Amino acid sequence: MVREKVTISTRTLQWKCVESRATSKRLYYGRFILSPLMKGQADTIGIAMRRALLGEIEGTCITCAKFKSQKIAHEFSTIAGIQESVHEILMNLKEIVLRSHLYGTRNASICVKGPGYVTAQDIILPPAVEIIDNKQYIAKLTEPIDLRIELQIERSRGYRLKPPNNFQDESYPLDAVFMPVKNANHSVHSYGNGNEKQEILFLEIWTNGSLTPKEALHEASRTLIDLFILFLHAEGENAHLEKNQHKLTLPLFTFHDRLAKLKLKKNKEELALKYIFIDQLELTPKIYNSLKRSNIHTLLDLLNKSQEDLMKIEYFRINDVKHILDILEREKHFAIDLPKNPF
């Protein structure tokens, strides 16, 4: 059971997971509570969290299939030696649950010789992509034929209708469901009397197995923070102009060969940096994934690392560290001011 506390004014908010179970590889359930909240706050948080859970979390799925070994007239054709029609195969491919942190489009493939069953374990995947349930059914080959299908895999969010296609190249786009959260509900329990009335927020989350409910809750929370943190920055800038706010100086990594004397000066509070996630930086997929694997999630985590710390990361090179510095120099909206002519 997970329990965490956050102190706000004289109240100590607590959240915990009160129930967690996996009905199958493709259905996870979690129930969480947050309390004590003032009257009306539970609905405010619950509605925002539900919308973020259902619409803002990214997922990975198959978006297109191209049959290579057979000539197909249209989507509802049948193929000799295959029990299912092309449409049924496409619908089965649409249900495959994938987990990844990839960006952009990746290619996968199926190459099977019958007779026999074709399942998700027969998909040849690119690196960093995994199948949640290898037993997911795709088709049945009733004769000794070759089934070859090229697949496109993408990561995005929400729901995307397949575009119009004349199918001249035997490519069949799929309706893409990128939503790893199947359902999310919130409910409110009130207690106390009069002005002392308080609320408990209950959140229920069902996922497809590519994320646990706890991971989904974390991703949704991070998304909401990313959306609202800009307002906090704007407020901080105005306060700085009006009150000559004290500037904090935190060390960033230094390069012994080039940047030994370079210091980063910030006019934001440390708390704000804690909620700027590295997703907001224009990092390459390799650098982003390497930082995430090393538990570097926020700008503050990154600023507190030295060159030696970063060079210890697996597959990291000096050019990767220099690339990070170049990005930070360009990202003026993070209020990171570098001294001129540091070399």
Protein backbone atom coordinates (compact mmCIF):
# COMPACT_ATOMS: atom_id res chain seq x y z
CA MET A 1 0.00 0.00 0.00
CA VAL A 2 1.36 3.38 -1.02
CA ARG A 3 0.87 6.44 1.16
CA GLU A 4 2.34 9.90 0.58
CA LYS A 5 1.84 13.19 2.36
CA VAL A 6 1.83 16.80 1.18
CA THR A 7 1.40 19.68 3.63
CA ILE A 8 -0.72 22.61 2.43
CA SER A 9 -1.10 25.41 4.96
CA THR A 10 -2.30 23.69 8.14
CA ARG A 11 -3.64 20.63 6.33
CA THR A 12 -1.69 17.49 5.52
CA LEU A 13 -2.99 15.87 2.35
CA GLN A 14 -2.47 12.15 2.06
CA TRP A 15 -2.94 9.86 -0.92
CA LYS A 16 -2.70 6.11 -0.98
CA CYS A 17 -3.56 3.12 -3.12
CA VAL A 18 -6.29 1.17 -1.33
CA GLU A 19 -6.79 -1.52 -3.97
CA SER A 20 -4.72 -2.89 -6.84
CA ARG A 21 -5.25 -5.98 -8.97
CA ALA A 22 -4.49 -7.45 -12.38
CA THR A 23 -7.48 -9.29 -13.80
CA SER A 24 -5.42 -10.29 -16.85
CA LYS A 25 -2.33 -9.10 -18.71
CA ARG A 26 -4.55 -6.59 -20.51
CA LEU A 27 -6.67 -5.35 -17.61
CA TYR A 28 -5.29 -3.67 -14.50
CA TYR A 29 -7.31 -1.93 -11.82
CA GLY A 30 -6.32 0.54 -9.11
CA ARG A 31 -8.26 2.54 -6.53
CA PHE A 32 -6.76 5.59 -4.86
CA ILE A 33 -7.88 8.12 -2.25
CA LEU A 34 -6.80 11.69 -1.53
CA SER A 35 -7.78 13.51 1.67
CA PRO A 36 -8.59 15.72 3.49
CA LEU A 37 -9.83 18.23 0.93
CA MET A 38 -11.90 21.36 1.40
CA LYS A 39 -15.45 21.46 0.06
CA GLY A 40 -15.45 21.48 -3.75
CA GLN A 41 -11.78 20.58 -4.17
CA ALA A 42 -12.43 16.86 -4.71
CA ASP A 43 -14.56 17.52 -7.80
CA THR A 44 -12.03 20.05 -9.12
CA ILE A 45 -9.20 17.54 -8.88
CA GLY A 46 -11.27 14.52 -9.87
CA ILE A 47 -12.64 16.03 -13.10
CA ALA A 48 -9.21 17.27 -14.19
CA MET A 49 -7.54 13.94 -13.38
CA ARG A 50 -10.17 11.92 -15.22
CA ARG A 51 -9.81 14.02 -18.37
CA ALA A 52 -6.02 13.79 -18.20
CA LEU A 53 -6.12 10.03 -17.63
CA LEU A 54 -8.42 9.41 -20.59
CA GLY A 55 -7.11 11.97 -23.06
CA GLU A 56 -3.57 13.09 -22.27
CA ILE A 57 -1.55 9.93 -21.59
CA GLU A 58 0.42 8.61 -24.54
CA GLY A 59 0.19 5.05 -25.78
CA THR A 60 1.65 2.89 -28.54
CA CYS A 61 -0.24 0.88 -31.13
CA ILE A 62 -0.21 -0.52 -34.66
CA THR A 63 -1.45 2.10 -37.13
CA CYS A 64 -0.99 0.43 -40.53
CA ALA A 65 -0.62 -3.05 -42.03
CA LYS A 66 0.64 -4.02 -45.48
CA PHE A 67 0.16 -7.55 -46.83
CA LYS A 68 3.21 -8.56 -48.85
CA SER A 69 2.64 -12.13 -50.02
CA GLN A 70 -0.97 -11.95 -51.22
CA LYS A 71 -2.87 -9.89 -53.78
CA ILE A 72 -5.90 -8.36 -52.08
CA ALA A 73 -8.77 -6.64 -53.86
CA HIS A 74 -10.18 -4.81 -50.85
CA GLU A 75 -10.32 -4.81 -47.05
CA PHE A 76 -13.15 -7.34 -46.87
CA SER A 77 -11.45 -9.89 -49.12
CA THR A 78 -10.61 -13.39 -47.99
CA ILE A 79 -7.24 -15.05 -48.52
CA ALA A 80 -6.98 -18.69 -49.50
CA GLY A 81 -5.56 -20.71 -46.63
CA ILE A 82 -6.46 -18.17 -43.93
CA GLN A 83 -9.56 -18.63 -41.81
CA GLU A 84 -10.10 -14.90 -41.17
CA SER A 85 -10.86 -12.20 -43.72
CA VAL A 86 -8.47 -9.28 -44.16
CA HIS A 87 -10.83 -7.08 -42.13
CA GLU A 88 -10.84 -9.55 -39.21
CA ILE A 89 -7.03 -9.75 -39.24
CA LEU A 90 -6.84 -5.95 -39.15
CA MET A 91 -9.24 -5.79 -36.21
CA ASN A 92 -7.13 -8.35 -34.33
CA LEU A 93 -3.97 -6.33 -35.03
CA LYS A 94 -5.73 -3.22 -33.72
CA GLU A 95 -6.23 -4.97 -30.36
CA ILE A 96 -2.51 -5.75 -29.85
CA VAL A 97 -1.31 -3.98 -26.69
CA LEU A 98 2.21 -2.52 -26.89
CA ARG A 99 4.45 -0.69 -24.44
CA SER A 100 7.27 1.64 -25.49
CA HIS A 101 8.87 5.06 -25.12
CA LEU A 102 9.59 5.48 -28.82
CA TYR A 103 8.88 8.62 -30.82
CA GLY A 104 7.94 8.78 -34.47
CA THR A 105 7.02 5.81 -36.67
CA ARG A 106 8.70 2.41 -36.35
CA ASN A 107 8.42 -0.69 -38.51
CA ALA A 108 7.58 -4.22 -37.42
CA SER A 109 6.66 -7.36 -39.33
CA ILE A 110 5.03 -10.79 -39.28
CA CYS A 111 6.48 -13.67 -41.28
CA VAL A 112 4.80 -17.02 -40.59
CA LYS A 113 4.39 -20.24 -42.55
CA GLY A 114 1.24 -22.31 -42.06
CA PRO A 115 -0.56 -24.27 -41.05
CA GLY A 116 -0.95 -22.98 -37.50
CA TYR A 117 -2.05 -20.07 -35.37
CA VAL A 118 -0.61 -16.58 -35.69
CA THR A 119 -0.36 -14.71 -32.41
CA ALA A 120 1.27 -11.55 -31.08
CA GLN A 121 4.48 -13.45 -30.31
CA ASP A 122 5.03 -13.81 -34.08
CA ILE A 123 5.46 -10.04 -34.47
CA ILE A 124 9.09 -9.02 -35.04
CA LEU A 125 9.42 -5.78 -33.09
CA PRO A 126 11.89 -2.87 -33.20
CA PRO A 127 14.04 -2.20 -30.10
CA ALA A 128 12.38 -0.57 -27.07
CA VAL A 129 8.94 -1.97 -27.97
CA GLU A 130 7.37 -4.86 -26.10
CA ILE A 131 4.12 -6.80 -26.36
CA ILE A 132 2.05 -7.02 -23.19
CA ASP A 133 0.27 -10.28 -24.07
CA ASN A 134 2.10 -12.57 -26.49
CA LYS A 135 -0.93 -14.85 -26.73
CA GLN A 136 -3.17 -12.27 -28.39
CA TYR A 137 -4.78 -13.95 -31.38
CA ILE A 138 -4.28 -12.64 -34.93
CA ALA A 139 -5.24 -15.37 -37.44
CA LYS A 140 -5.33 -19.09 -38.24
CA LEU A 141 -3.49 -20.50 -41.26
CA THR A 142 -5.27 -23.63 -42.51
CA GLU A 143 -2.82 -24.43 -45.33
CA PRO A 144 0.98 -24.36 -45.77
CA ILE A 145 1.10 -20.79 -47.05
CA ASP A 146 3.37 -17.87 -46.17
CA LEU A 147 1.82 -14.91 -44.37
CA ARG A 148 3.93 -11.75 -44.54
CA ILE A 149 2.66 -8.49 -43.11
CA GLU A 150 4.59 -5.25 -42.63
CA LEU A 151 3.39 -3.12 -39.72
CA GLN A 152 3.77 0.51 -38.69
CA ILE A 153 3.92 1.33 -34.98
CA GLU A 154 3.41 4.82 -33.55
CA ARG A 155 3.21 6.50 -30.17
CA SER A 156 0.71 9.30 -29.62
CA ARG A 157 -2.33 10.17 -27.52
CA GLY A 158 -6.08 10.06 -27.92
CA TYR A 159 -7.93 8.46 -30.82
CA ARG A 160 -7.20 8.83 -34.53
CA LEU A 161 -9.48 7.75 -37.35
CA LYS A 162 -7.83 5.97 -40.25
CA PRO A 163 -7.33 8.23 -43.29
CA PRO A 164 -8.91 7.49 -46.67
CA ASN A 165 -6.85 5.01 -48.69
CA ASN A 166 -7.18 3.57 -52.18
CA PHE A 167 -5.32 0.41 -51.11
CA GLN A 168 -3.31 0.27 -54.32
CA ASP A 169 -0.19 -0.77 -52.43
CA GLU A 170 -2.06 -3.22 -50.15
CA SER A 171 -1.54 -0.86 -47.18
CA TYR A 172 -4.42 -0.72 -44.73
CA PRO A 173 -4.40 2.06 -42.11
CA LEU A 174 -6.10 1.29 -38.79
CA ASP A 175 -8.15 3.39 -36.42
CA ALA A 176 -5.52 4.11 -33.78
CA VAL A 177 -6.45 3.97 -30.09
CA PHE A 178 -3.44 5.40 -28.23
CA MET A 179 -5.20 5.48 -24.85
CA PRO A 180 -3.67 3.08 -22.30
CA VAL A 181 -6.39 3.99 -19.76
CA LYS A 182 -9.59 2.08 -20.54
CA ASN A 183 -11.72 3.89 -17.99
CA ALA A 184 -11.44 6.27 -15.06
CA ASN A 185 -14.01 7.30 -12.47
CA HIS A 186 -13.96 9.63 -9.53
CA SER A 187 -16.30 9.90 -6.56
CA VAL A 188 -16.49 12.16 -3.50
CA HIS A 189 -17.22 11.35 0.12
CA SER A 190 -18.03 14.26 2.44
CA TYR A 191 -17.72 14.26 6.23
CA GLY A 192 -17.88 16.76 9.06
CA ASN A 193 -20.40 19.50 9.82
CA GLY A 194 -20.83 23.15 8.86
CA ASN A 195 -17.63 25.05 8.11
CA GLU A 196 -15.59 22.01 9.16
CA LYS A 197 -16.93 19.90 6.29
CA GLN A 198 -14.20 18.09 4.36
CA GLU A 199 -14.01 15.69 1.43
CA ILE A 200 -12.27 12.50 0.36
CA LEU A 201 -11.58 11.94 -3.33
CA PHE A 202 -11.75 8.38 -4.69
CA LEU A 203 -10.14 7.64 -8.06
CA GLU A 204 -10.65 4.37 -9.93
CA ILE A 205 -8.42 3.57 -12.92
CA TRP A 206 -8.54 0.68 -15.39
CA THR A 207 -5.61 0.27 -17.85
CA ASN A 208 -4.80 -2.06 -20.75
CA GLY A 209 -1.64 -3.38 -19.08
CA SER A 210 0.86 -1.16 -20.90
CA LEU A 211 0.77 1.04 -17.79
CA THR A 212 -0.18 0.20 -14.23
CA PRO A 213 -2.86 2.42 -12.68
CA LYS A 214 -0.21 3.98 -10.46
CA GLU A 215 1.95 4.80 -13.50
CA ALA A 216 -1.09 6.24 -15.26
CA LEU A 217 -1.85 8.42 -12.24
CA HIS A 218 1.73 9.66 -12.25
CA GLU A 219 1.66 10.45 -15.98
CA ALA A 220 -1.67 12.28 -15.73
CA SER A 221 -0.43 14.32 -12.75
CA ARG A 222 2.75 15.23 -14.58
CA THR A 223 0.75 16.31 -17.64
CA LEU A 224 -1.43 18.63 -15.56
CA ILE A 225 1.64 20.10 -13.86
CA ASP A 226 3.25 20.72 -17.26
CA LEU A 227 0.11 22.52 -18.44
CA PHE A 228 -0.20 24.76 -15.38
CA ILE A 229 3.47 25.41 -14.59
CA LEU A 230 3.61 28.17 -17.20
CA PHE A 231 1.15 30.23 -15.15
CA LEU A 232 3.43 29.85 -12.14
CA HIS A 233 6.37 31.05 -14.24
CA ALA A 234 4.42 34.07 -15.48
CA GLU A 235 3.49 34.95 -11.91
CA GLY A 236 7.11 34.60 -10.84
CA GLU A 237 8.29 36.94 -13.59
CA ASN A 238 5.79 39.62 -12.59
CA ALA A 239 6.75 39.30 -8.95
CA HIS A 240 10.41 39.66 -9.91
CA LEU A 241 9.73 42.94 -11.73
CA GLU A 242 7.74 44.33 -8.82
CA LYS A 243 9.76 43.21 -5.81
CA ASN A 244 13.35 42.57 -6.97
CA GLN A 245 12.96 38.97 -5.97
CA HIS A 246 16.08 37.18 -4.69
CA LYS A 247 17.78 35.04 -7.33
CA LEU A 248 18.81 31.48 -6.56
CA THR A 249 21.99 30.08 -8.05
CA LEU A 250 22.24 26.33 -8.52
CA PRO A 251 25.16 24.47 -10.11
CA LEU A 252 24.83 22.68 -13.41
CA PHE A 253 27.31 20.12 -14.70
CA THR A 254 30.61 21.59 -15.90
CA PHE A 255 33.05 20.48 -18.58
CA HIS A 256 36.64 20.33 -17.31
CA ASP A 257 37.97 20.98 -20.79
CA ARG A 258 35.68 23.89 -21.77
CA LEU A 259 33.25 25.04 -19.10
CA ALA A 260 35.02 24.77 -15.76
CA LYS A 261 33.95 28.26 -14.71
CA LEU A 262 30.46 28.23 -16.18
CA LYS A 263 27.62 28.76 -13.65
CA LEU A 264 23.91 28.84 -14.31
CA LYS A 265 21.89 31.62 -12.70
CA LYS A 266 18.16 31.14 -12.26
CA ASN A 267 15.49 33.67 -11.28
CA LYS A 268 12.95 30.93 -10.52
CA GLU A 269 12.42 29.24 -7.22
CA GLU A 270 13.79 25.72 -6.81
CA LEU A 271 10.26 24.41 -6.39
CA ALA A 272 9.36 25.52 -9.92
CA LEU A 273 12.41 23.75 -11.38
CA LYS A 274 11.31 20.58 -9.64
CA TYR A 275 8.16 20.53 -11.78
CA ILE A 276 9.78 21.25 -15.15
CA PHE A 277 10.14 17.80 -16.69
CA ILE A 278 12.78 16.85 -19.24
CA ASP A 279 9.94 16.03 -21.66
CA GLN A 280 9.77 19.79 -22.27
CA LEU A 281 13.35 19.89 -23.54
CA GLU A 282 14.03 19.10 -27.19
CA LEU A 283 16.14 16.06 -26.38
CA THR A 284 16.88 13.27 -28.81
CA PRO A 285 15.12 9.96 -28.05
CA LYS A 286 18.46 8.39 -27.07
CA ILE A 287 19.33 11.13 -24.55
CA TYR A 288 15.77 11.32 -23.20
CA ASN A 289 15.51 7.55 -22.62
CA SER A 290 18.99 7.39 -21.06
CA LEU A 291 18.15 10.18 -18.60
CA LYS A 292 14.82 8.54 -17.69
CA ARG A 293 16.55 5.21 -17.04
CA SER A 294 18.92 7.05 -14.68
CA ASN A 295 15.99 8.54 -12.71
CA ILE A 296 16.55 12.05 -14.09
CA HIS A 297 13.01 13.27 -14.58
CA THR A 298 13.04 17.01 -13.95
CA LEU A 299 15.16 20.03 -14.80
CA LEU A 300 16.24 20.21 -11.16
CA ASP A 301 17.47 16.60 -11.32
CA LEU A 302 19.52 17.53 -14.38
CA LEU A 303 20.94 20.74 -12.91
CA ASN A 304 22.26 18.86 -9.90
CA LYS A 305 24.29 16.42 -12.01
CA SER A 306 27.98 16.84 -12.80
CA GLN A 307 29.73 15.91 -16.02
CA GLU A 308 31.11 12.83 -14.31
CA ASP A 309 27.61 11.78 -13.22
CA LEU A 310 26.27 12.03 -16.76
CA MET A 311 29.24 10.27 -18.33
CA LYS A 312 28.54 7.27 -16.07
CA ILE A 313 25.16 6.79 -17.79
CA GLU A 314 25.15 3.79 -20.08
CA TYR A 315 25.76 4.68 -23.77
CA PHE A 316 26.28 8.35 -22.87
CA ARG A 317 29.06 10.26 -24.65
CA ILE A 318 30.61 13.70 -24.26
CA ASN A 319 28.69 14.89 -27.33
CA ASP A 320 25.43 13.96 -25.58
CA VAL A 321 26.38 16.11 -22.58
CA LYS A 322 27.31 19.01 -24.85
CA HIS A 323 23.99 18.61 -26.67
CA ILE A 324 22.13 18.99 -23.36
CA LEU A 325 24.00 22.20 -22.59
CA ASP A 326 23.24 23.60 -26.05
CA ILE A 327 19.54 22.94 -25.51
CA LEU A 328 19.56 24.62 -22.09
CA GLU A 329 21.23 27.67 -23.61
CA ARG A 330 18.44 27.93 -26.19
CA GLU A 331 15.55 27.33 -23.79
CA LYS A 332 15.08 30.91 -22.60
CA HIS A 333 11.60 30.19 -21.20
CA PHE A 334 13.26 28.17 -18.44
CA ALA A 335 14.87 31.42 -17.24
CA ILE A 336 18.37 29.99 -17.34
CA ASP A 337 20.85 32.80 -17.95
CA LEU A 338 24.33 31.78 -19.08
CA PRO A 339 27.23 34.25 -18.80
CA LYS A 340 28.40 35.73 -22.06
CA ASN A 341 31.66 34.49 -23.56
CA PRO A 342 32.21 31.69 -21.02
CA PHE A 343 35.30 30.33 -22.70
